[in-house]
Amino acid sequence: MKFIASSSSLLKHLQQISGVINANTVLPILEDFLFEIGDKKLNIVASDLETVMKVQMEIESKETGRVCIPAKVLIDTLKNIADQPLTFSIDNNFTVEITSDNGKYKVPGEDPDNFPKEPASDDTTGFPMSSGALIKAINKTLFAVSTDDLRPAMTGVFFELTPEFIQFVATDAHRLVRYKRLDTQASRTDSFIVPKKPLNLLKNALPDNDDEITVSYNSKHLFVTHGAIQMVCRLIDARFPDYKVVIPIDNPYKLIVNKAEFQSALRRVSIFSNKSTNLAALNISGSELQITAQDIDFNFEGNERMNCQYDGEDMQIAFNAKFLIEMLNAADTAEVRLELSVPSKAGLIKPSEQAAGEDILMLLMPLMLNN
């Protein structure tokens, strides 16, 4: 079996899906790419048993066939070859010989029949959405996903589908993000949990534009297709917590601050906070916000004052500064609004204005102050 492919084009396609391959794999063959040749097209597949990514590219070939090629050796080779056509020849023992303008390289391939089969897309339900909308939903929620494997339901993003809108929810029990797309709808009410890794891979593989992608799912898997790229991942088989019960219905005190100034002040002051809690106290009085952090063990202390708009009683409330900085990144407006009630209840963070077709709400649990 023989085919000719552009070295730079092949490298680009391999890099789009190489993130699937783990450093420590369960099966040695999962360290390989599966190459499938037919009809002058090359399908390249990468898998870790949980997630499968496939990309297609055009090649010169009059033959059909399959072979598994070690991923790391192939990518390292292509990175160091100038852009040129490469000839791949595969013999009956799956030995791969790569011929360039001035060199020949041999790689032992593997039997493609040992490569795991990808899940069948049976009984799927689908809905269209733009590539940019999915990337934005991932960026707005992924940072709040839990890393606690003892609570698997919270280690992914909860997709909640309705005929009116689609919303994405992530929580780690300390913070929660609910991102709603009013311009994307599903044919029926449904929900599922998508793990963190495939969402990260999608974010890097999809273009951030208005291209339409097809998202479909069944009871066990999610399928996403955009042009020549396809991804299949296993859904998390667990029940997402009832997040609605923790969102306060009425937080009467409203604080409006400049997002950039608030983030910068938090970054500076948090340097002096206790490294295990990252506690930063907000003292709000009239139109002044004071941010304080200290680490008693090392006698560190930092505080800053800034102007704000505040409607409510004077109060002091503490949050994890690291979490608060990350959540402010998800607001795309110059000003953000914090809705508060009492120092022991969750605070809500929202952009000062919601973007067209979107609605984002973020919740952060307070920390106890040692007064």
Protein backbone atom coordinates (compact mmCIF):
# COMPACT_ATOMS: atom_id res chain seq x y z
CA MET A 1 0.00 0.00 0.00
CA LYS A 2 1.33 3.43 -0.95
CA PHE A 3 0.14 7.04 -0.68
CA ILE A 4 1.57 10.56 -1.03
CA ALA A 5 0.71 13.40 1.36
CA SER A 6 1.93 16.93 2.01
CA SER A 7 4.11 16.94 5.16
CA SER A 8 2.77 20.25 6.51
CA SER A 9 -0.87 19.38 5.79
CA LEU A 10 -0.48 15.97 7.43
CA LEU A 11 1.17 17.50 10.51
CA LYS A 12 -1.61 20.09 10.83
CA HIS A 13 -4.31 17.39 10.68
CA LEU A 14 -2.49 15.14 13.16
CA GLN A 15 -2.08 18.00 15.64
CA GLN A 16 -5.84 18.67 15.54
CA ILE A 17 -6.54 15.25 17.07
CA SER A 18 -3.29 14.32 18.86
CA GLY A 19 -4.58 15.68 22.19
CA VAL A 20 -6.77 12.57 22.51
CA ILE A 21 -3.73 10.34 23.00
CA ASN A 22 -2.71 9.93 26.65
CA ALA A 23 0.90 9.70 27.81
CA ASN A 24 0.11 6.54 29.81
CA THR A 25 -2.29 4.40 27.81
CA VAL A 26 -4.11 1.25 28.86
CA LEU A 27 -3.33 -0.45 25.54
CA PRO A 28 -0.05 0.13 23.63
CA ILE A 29 -1.97 0.50 20.34
CA LEU A 30 -3.69 3.61 21.75
CA GLU A 31 -0.32 5.37 21.31
CA ASP A 32 -0.90 5.08 17.54
CA PHE A 33 -2.90 6.89 14.89
CA LEU A 34 -5.13 4.68 12.77
CA PHE A 35 -4.72 5.53 9.06
CA GLU A 36 -7.58 4.46 6.76
CA ILE A 37 -7.06 5.07 3.02
CA GLY A 38 -9.80 4.97 0.40
CA ASP A 39 -11.12 7.02 -2.53
CA LYS A 40 -8.08 9.39 -2.48
CA LYS A 41 -8.95 10.32 1.11
CA LEU A 42 -7.07 9.61 4.32
CA ASN A 43 -9.05 9.22 7.53
CA ILE A 44 -6.90 9.56 10.66
CA VAL A 45 -8.29 8.32 13.97
CA ALA A 46 -7.04 8.83 17.56
CA SER A 47 -8.65 7.20 20.60
CA ASP A 48 -8.26 6.78 24.35
CA LEU A 49 -11.29 4.42 24.62
CA GLU A 50 -13.39 7.25 26.13
CA THR A 51 -12.94 9.82 23.34
CA VAL A 52 -12.42 9.27 19.60
CA MET A 53 -11.41 12.01 17.17
CA LYS A 54 -11.28 11.59 13.41
CA VAL A 55 -10.02 13.96 10.71
CA GLN A 56 -10.05 13.57 6.92
CA MET A 57 -7.59 14.92 4.36
CA GLU A 58 -6.95 14.51 0.63
CA ILE A 59 -3.98 12.45 -0.54
CA GLU A 60 -2.63 10.89 -3.73
CA SER A 61 -3.34 7.16 -3.75
CA LYS A 62 -4.82 4.50 -6.03
CA GLU A 63 -5.09 1.95 -3.24
CA THR A 64 -7.13 1.30 -0.12
CA GLY A 65 -5.88 -0.01 3.19
CA ARG A 66 -5.38 0.52 6.91
CA VAL A 67 -2.37 0.75 9.23
CA CYS A 68 -1.56 1.99 12.75
CA ILE A 69 1.46 4.32 13.05
CA PRO A 70 3.08 5.41 16.38
CA ALA A 71 1.88 8.96 17.01
CA LYS A 72 4.87 10.52 18.79
CA VAL A 73 7.50 9.34 16.28
CA LEU A 74 5.36 10.45 13.34
CA ILE A 75 4.63 13.93 14.72
CA ASP A 76 8.26 14.49 15.79
CA THR A 77 9.42 13.46 12.30
CA LEU A 78 6.96 15.75 10.50
CA LYS A 79 7.89 18.72 12.71
CA ASN A 80 11.46 18.47 11.50
CA ILE A 81 10.76 18.03 7.78
CA ALA A 82 10.37 21.04 5.49
CA ASP A 83 7.07 21.32 3.59
CA GLN A 84 7.21 18.74 0.78
CA PRO A 85 5.32 15.69 -0.55
CA LEU A 86 6.09 12.53 1.44
CA THR A 87 5.62 9.01 0.10
CA PHE A 88 4.35 6.41 2.59
CA SER A 89 4.86 2.74 1.68
CA ILE A 90 3.41 0.02 3.93
CA ASP A 91 4.35 -3.66 3.50
CA ASN A 92 2.44 -6.78 4.57
CA ASN A 93 4.10 -6.72 8.03
CA PHE A 94 2.82 -3.14 8.56
CA THR A 95 6.30 -1.63 8.34
CA VAL A 96 5.95 2.00 7.28
CA GLU A 97 8.62 3.54 5.07
CA ILE A 98 8.49 7.34 4.67
CA THR A 99 10.44 8.82 1.74
CA SER A 100 11.24 12.54 1.57
CA ASP A 101 13.31 14.54 -0.96
CA ASN A 102 16.55 13.55 0.71
CA GLY A 103 15.83 10.84 3.24
CA LYS A 104 14.12 7.56 4.13
CA TYR A 105 12.66 6.68 7.52
CA LYS A 106 11.29 3.36 8.73
CA VAL A 107 8.70 2.99 11.48
CA PRO A 108 7.22 -0.33 12.69
CA GLY A 109 3.45 -0.02 12.31
CA GLU A 110 0.81 -2.22 13.90
CA ASP A 111 -2.13 -4.34 12.80
CA PRO A 112 -5.16 -2.00 12.43
CA ASP A 113 -7.55 -4.80 13.43
CA ASN A 114 -6.29 -4.39 17.01
CA PHE A 115 -7.34 -0.72 17.10
CA PRO A 116 -10.56 -0.25 19.14
CA LYS A 117 -13.77 0.23 17.13
CA GLU A 118 -15.44 3.62 17.41
CA PRO A 119 -18.94 3.75 18.96
CA ALA A 120 -21.88 3.43 16.56
CA SER A 121 -24.09 6.51 16.20
CA ASP A 122 -27.36 4.62 16.66
CA ASP A 123 -30.62 6.20 17.93
CA THR A 124 -29.13 9.69 18.08
CA THR A 125 -30.96 12.97 18.54
CA GLY A 126 -29.29 16.05 17.09
CA PHE A 127 -29.45 19.80 17.03
CA PRO A 128 -27.48 22.41 15.06
CA MET A 129 -25.52 25.23 16.64
CA SER A 130 -22.72 27.52 15.56
CA SER A 131 -19.13 26.51 16.23
CA GLY A 132 -18.45 29.86 17.95
CA ALA A 133 -21.45 29.42 20.27
CA LEU A 134 -20.22 26.01 21.45
CA ILE A 135 -16.68 27.32 22.00
CA LYS A 136 -18.06 30.25 24.00
CA ALA A 137 -20.22 27.91 26.11
CA ILE A 138 -17.16 25.74 26.84
CA ASN A 139 -14.99 28.75 27.75
CA LYS A 140 -17.67 30.18 30.06
CA THR A 141 -18.18 26.96 32.04
CA LEU A 142 -15.14 24.67 31.90
CA PHE A 143 -13.13 26.51 34.58
CA ALA A 144 -15.82 25.74 37.20
CA VAL A 145 -15.80 21.96 36.61
CA SER A 146 -14.79 19.84 39.61
CA THR A 147 -11.58 17.78 39.66
CA ASP A 148 -12.92 15.49 42.42
CA ASP A 149 -13.24 12.00 40.90
CA LEU A 150 -15.30 10.90 43.92
CA ARG A 151 -18.11 13.08 42.55
CA PRO A 152 -18.07 12.10 38.85
CA ALA A 153 -21.26 14.04 37.97
CA MET A 154 -19.46 17.30 38.72
CA THR A 155 -16.35 16.49 36.62
CA GLY A 156 -18.12 17.51 33.42
CA VAL A 157 -20.40 20.19 31.96
CA PHE A 158 -24.16 19.60 32.24
CA PHE A 159 -25.95 20.19 28.90
CA GLU A 160 -29.61 21.08 29.50
CA LEU A 161 -31.69 21.06 26.31
CA THR A 162 -35.15 22.58 25.81
CA PRO A 163 -37.20 23.70 22.77
CA GLU A 164 -36.69 27.34 23.94
CA PHE A 165 -32.97 27.39 24.76
CA ILE A 166 -29.90 25.32 25.61
CA GLN A 167 -27.95 25.91 28.79
CA PHE A 168 -24.61 24.69 30.10
CA VAL A 169 -23.93 24.30 33.83
CA ALA A 170 -20.71 23.57 35.73
CA THR A 171 -20.06 23.44 39.46
CA ASP A 172 -17.44 22.20 41.93
CA ALA A 173 -19.66 22.86 45.01
CA HIS A 174 -17.80 26.12 45.76
CA ARG A 175 -18.85 27.96 42.61
CA LEU A 176 -21.39 27.49 39.86
CA VAL A 177 -21.77 28.84 36.32
CA ARG A 178 -25.00 28.68 34.30
CA TYR A 179 -24.62 29.82 30.69
CA LYS A 180 -27.76 29.99 28.56
CA ARG A 181 -27.96 30.26 24.75
CA LEU A 182 -31.33 31.68 23.73
CA ASP A 183 -30.45 31.45 20.02
CA THR A 184 -30.00 27.65 20.07
CA GLN A 185 -32.83 25.19 20.63
CA ALA A 186 -33.34 21.44 20.77
CA SER A 187 -36.31 19.45 19.48
CA ARG A 188 -37.10 18.11 22.95
CA THR A 189 -36.24 18.51 26.63
CA ASP A 190 -33.22 16.40 27.56
CA SER A 191 -29.92 16.53 29.47
CA PHE A 192 -26.52 14.83 29.68
CA ILE A 193 -23.03 15.42 31.17
CA VAL A 194 -19.97 15.81 28.93
CA PRO A 195 -16.49 15.17 30.45
CA LYS A 196 -13.86 17.90 30.61
CA LYS A 197 -11.22 16.39 28.29
CA PRO A 198 -13.33 16.14 25.08
CA LEU A 199 -14.64 19.68 25.64
CA ASN A 200 -11.05 20.96 25.85
CA LEU A 201 -10.23 19.08 22.64
CA LEU A 202 -13.28 20.54 20.86
CA LYS A 203 -12.37 24.05 21.98
CA ASN A 204 -8.97 23.69 20.31
CA ALA A 205 -10.15 21.86 17.17
CA LEU A 206 -13.22 23.90 16.18
CA PRO A 207 -13.05 27.33 14.50
CA ASP A 208 -14.38 30.28 16.52
CA ASN A 209 -16.83 31.47 13.87
CA ASP A 210 -20.43 31.10 12.67
CA ASP A 211 -19.88 27.75 10.92
CA GLU A 212 -22.75 25.39 11.69
CA ILE A 213 -21.79 22.19 13.49
CA THR A 214 -23.92 19.13 14.14
CA VAL A 215 -24.23 18.01 17.75
CA SER A 216 -26.00 14.70 18.36
CA TYR A 217 -26.22 12.28 21.26
CA ASN A 218 -27.67 8.99 22.44
CA SER A 219 -27.85 7.40 25.88
CA LYS A 220 -24.08 6.82 26.08
CA HIS A 221 -22.22 9.09 23.65
CA LEU A 222 -21.96 12.62 22.26
CA PHE A 223 -21.15 13.14 18.55
CA VAL A 224 -19.86 16.45 17.16
CA THR A 225 -19.15 17.00 13.45
CA HIS A 226 -17.63 20.01 11.70
CA GLY A 227 -16.47 19.55 8.12
CA ALA A 228 -13.63 17.01 8.09
CA ILE A 229 -13.41 16.74 11.90
CA GLN A 230 -15.53 14.36 13.97
CA MET A 231 -15.46 13.68 17.70
CA VAL A 232 -17.22 11.02 19.73
CA CYS A 233 -17.02 10.87 23.53
CA ARG A 234 -18.57 8.78 26.23
CA LEU A 235 -21.01 10.71 28.44
CA ILE A 236 -20.67 10.67 32.24
CA ASP A 237 -23.14 8.13 33.62
CA ALA A 238 -24.20 9.99 36.77
CA ARG A 239 -26.93 12.33 37.97
CA PHE A 240 -26.08 16.02 38.01
CA PRO A 241 -26.93 17.71 41.35
CA ASP A 242 -30.06 19.86 41.53
CA TYR A 243 -28.20 23.13 41.10
CA LYS A 244 -31.34 25.29 40.99
CA VAL A 245 -31.91 24.94 44.74
CA VAL A 246 -28.62 26.69 45.60
CA ILE A 247 -29.22 29.78 43.44
CA PRO A 248 -30.60 32.53 45.72
CA ILE A 249 -33.93 33.90 44.48
CA ASP A 250 -33.45 37.37 45.95
CA ASN A 251 -30.12 38.97 46.78
CA PRO A 252 -31.21 42.54 47.58
CA TYR A 253 -27.81 44.32 47.77
CA LYS A 254 -26.31 45.34 44.43
CA LEU A 255 -22.61 46.18 43.94
CA ILE A 256 -21.38 47.45 40.54
CA VAL A 257 -17.62 47.70 39.92
CA ASN A 258 -15.24 48.18 37.01
CA LYS A 259 -14.21 44.63 36.07
CA ALA A 260 -10.60 45.36 35.06
CA GLU A 261 -9.89 47.49 38.15
CA PHE A 262 -11.54 44.92 40.45
CA GLN A 263 -9.55 42.02 38.93
CA SER A 264 -6.26 43.93 39.12
CA ALA A 265 -6.87 44.86 42.77
CA LEU A 266 -7.77 41.24 43.62
CA ARG A 267 -4.60 39.96 41.92
CA ARG A 268 -2.39 42.36 43.88
CA VAL A 269 -4.08 41.86 47.24
CA SER A 270 -4.35 38.06 46.91
CA ILE A 271 -0.54 37.81 46.87
CA PHE A 272 -0.77 38.50 50.64
CA SER A 273 -3.60 36.00 51.32
CA ASN A 274 -3.36 32.63 53.00
CA LYS A 275 -2.26 30.21 50.27
CA SER A 276 -4.64 27.44 51.32
CA THR A 277 -7.81 29.57 51.34
CA ASN A 278 -6.95 32.54 49.06
CA LEU A 279 -9.35 34.50 51.28
CA ALA A 280 -10.01 38.13 50.32
CA ALA A 281 -12.45 40.18 52.40
CA LEU A 282 -14.66 42.79 50.73
CA ASN A 283 -15.68 45.68 52.98
CA ILE A 284 -18.45 47.63 51.24
CA SER A 285 -19.49 50.99 52.62
CA GLY A 286 -21.34 53.63 50.59
CA SER A 287 -19.48 54.13 47.32
CA GLU A 288 -16.21 52.61 48.54
CA LEU A 289 -15.01 49.02 48.32
CA GLN A 290 -12.05 47.92 50.41
CA ILE A 291 -10.33 44.62 49.60
CA THR A 292 -8.21 43.04 52.34
CA ALA A 293 -6.14 39.86 52.53
CA GLN A 294 -3.74 38.58 55.14
CA ASP A 295 -1.69 35.55 56.04
CA ILE A 296 -1.33 35.55 59.83
CA ASP A 297 1.33 32.80 59.79
CA PHE A 298 3.77 35.00 57.85
CA ASN A 299 2.53 38.45 58.92
CA PHE A 300 1.56 39.29 55.32
CA GLU A 301 -1.19 41.84 54.77
CA GLY A 302 -2.49 43.78 51.78
CA ASN A 303 -5.44 46.07 51.24
CA GLU A 304 -6.73 48.38 48.54
CA ARG A 305 -9.60 50.80 48.14
CA MET A 306 -11.61 51.45 44.99
CA ASN A 307 -14.77 53.26 43.97
CA CYS A 308 -18.00 51.37 43.40
CA GLN A 309 -21.75 51.79 43.08
CA TYR A 310 -23.54 50.09 45.95
CA ASP A 311 -27.17 49.83 46.91
CA GLY A 312 -27.57 48.14 50.28
CA GLU A 313 -26.45 48.01 53.90
CA ASP A 314 -22.73 48.22 54.74
CA MET A 315 -21.30 44.71 54.87
CA GLN A 316 -18.18 42.59 54.97
CA ILE A 317 -18.04 39.35 52.99
CA ALA A 318 -15.12 37.10 52.03
CA PHE A 319 -14.48 35.02 48.91
CA ASN A 320 -11.74 32.86 47.43
CA ALA A 321 -9.84 35.51 45.40
CA LYS A 322 -8.56 32.97 42.84
CA PHE A 323 -12.11 31.77 42.10
CA LEU A 324 -13.43 35.34 41.95
CA ILE A 325 -10.76 36.39 39.42
CA GLU A 326 -11.57 33.39 37.19
CA MET A 327 -15.30 34.10 37.31
CA LEU A 328 -14.80 37.75 36.37
CA ASN A 329 -13.04 36.53 33.19
CA ALA A 330 -16.33 34.99 32.06
CA ALA A 331 -18.08 38.40 32.08
CA ASP A 332 -17.52 40.24 28.79
CA THR A 333 -18.60 43.70 29.96
CA ALA A 334 -16.55 46.62 31.33
CA GLU A 335 -18.56 46.52 34.57
CA VAL A 336 -19.82 43.58 36.63
CA ARG A 337 -22.65 43.34 39.12
CA LEU A 338 -22.40 41.43 42.41
CA GLU A 339 -25.72 40.63 44.08
CA LEU A 340 -25.37 39.94 47.80
CA SER A 341 -27.57 39.37 50.86
CA VAL A 342 -25.73 38.34 54.06
CA PRO A 343 -22.06 37.33 54.57
CA SER A 344 -23.00 33.65 54.97
CA LYS A 345 -25.00 33.33 51.73
CA ALA A 346 -23.79 32.85 48.15
CA GLY A 347 -23.07 35.91 46.03
CA LEU A 348 -24.19 36.17 42.41
CA ILE A 349 -21.92 37.62 39.73
CA LYS A 350 -23.36 38.87 36.44
CA PRO A 351 -22.19 41.10 33.58
CA SER A 352 -23.68 44.60 33.77
CA GLU A 353 -25.52 43.78 30.51
CA GLN A 354 -26.23 40.38 28.98
CA ALA A 355 -25.07 39.90 25.37
CA ALA A 356 -27.72 39.28 22.70
CA GLY A 357 -28.95 35.69 22.76
CA GLU A 358 -27.04 34.89 25.96
CA ASP A 359 -27.63 34.80 29.69
CA ILE A 360 -24.86 34.04 32.17
CA LEU A 361 -25.17 33.70 35.93
CA MET A 362 -22.27 32.84 38.26
CA LEU A 363 -22.52 31.89 41.91
CA LEU A 364 -19.70 31.88 44.46
CA MET A 365 -19.95 30.55 48.00
CA PRO A 366 -18.47 32.88 50.66
CA LEU A 367 -15.70 31.98 53.10
CA MET A 368 -15.93 32.37 56.87
CA LEU A 369 -14.23 35.46 58.26
CA ASN A 370 -12.15 35.11 61.43
CA ASN A 371 -13.09 38.36 63.11
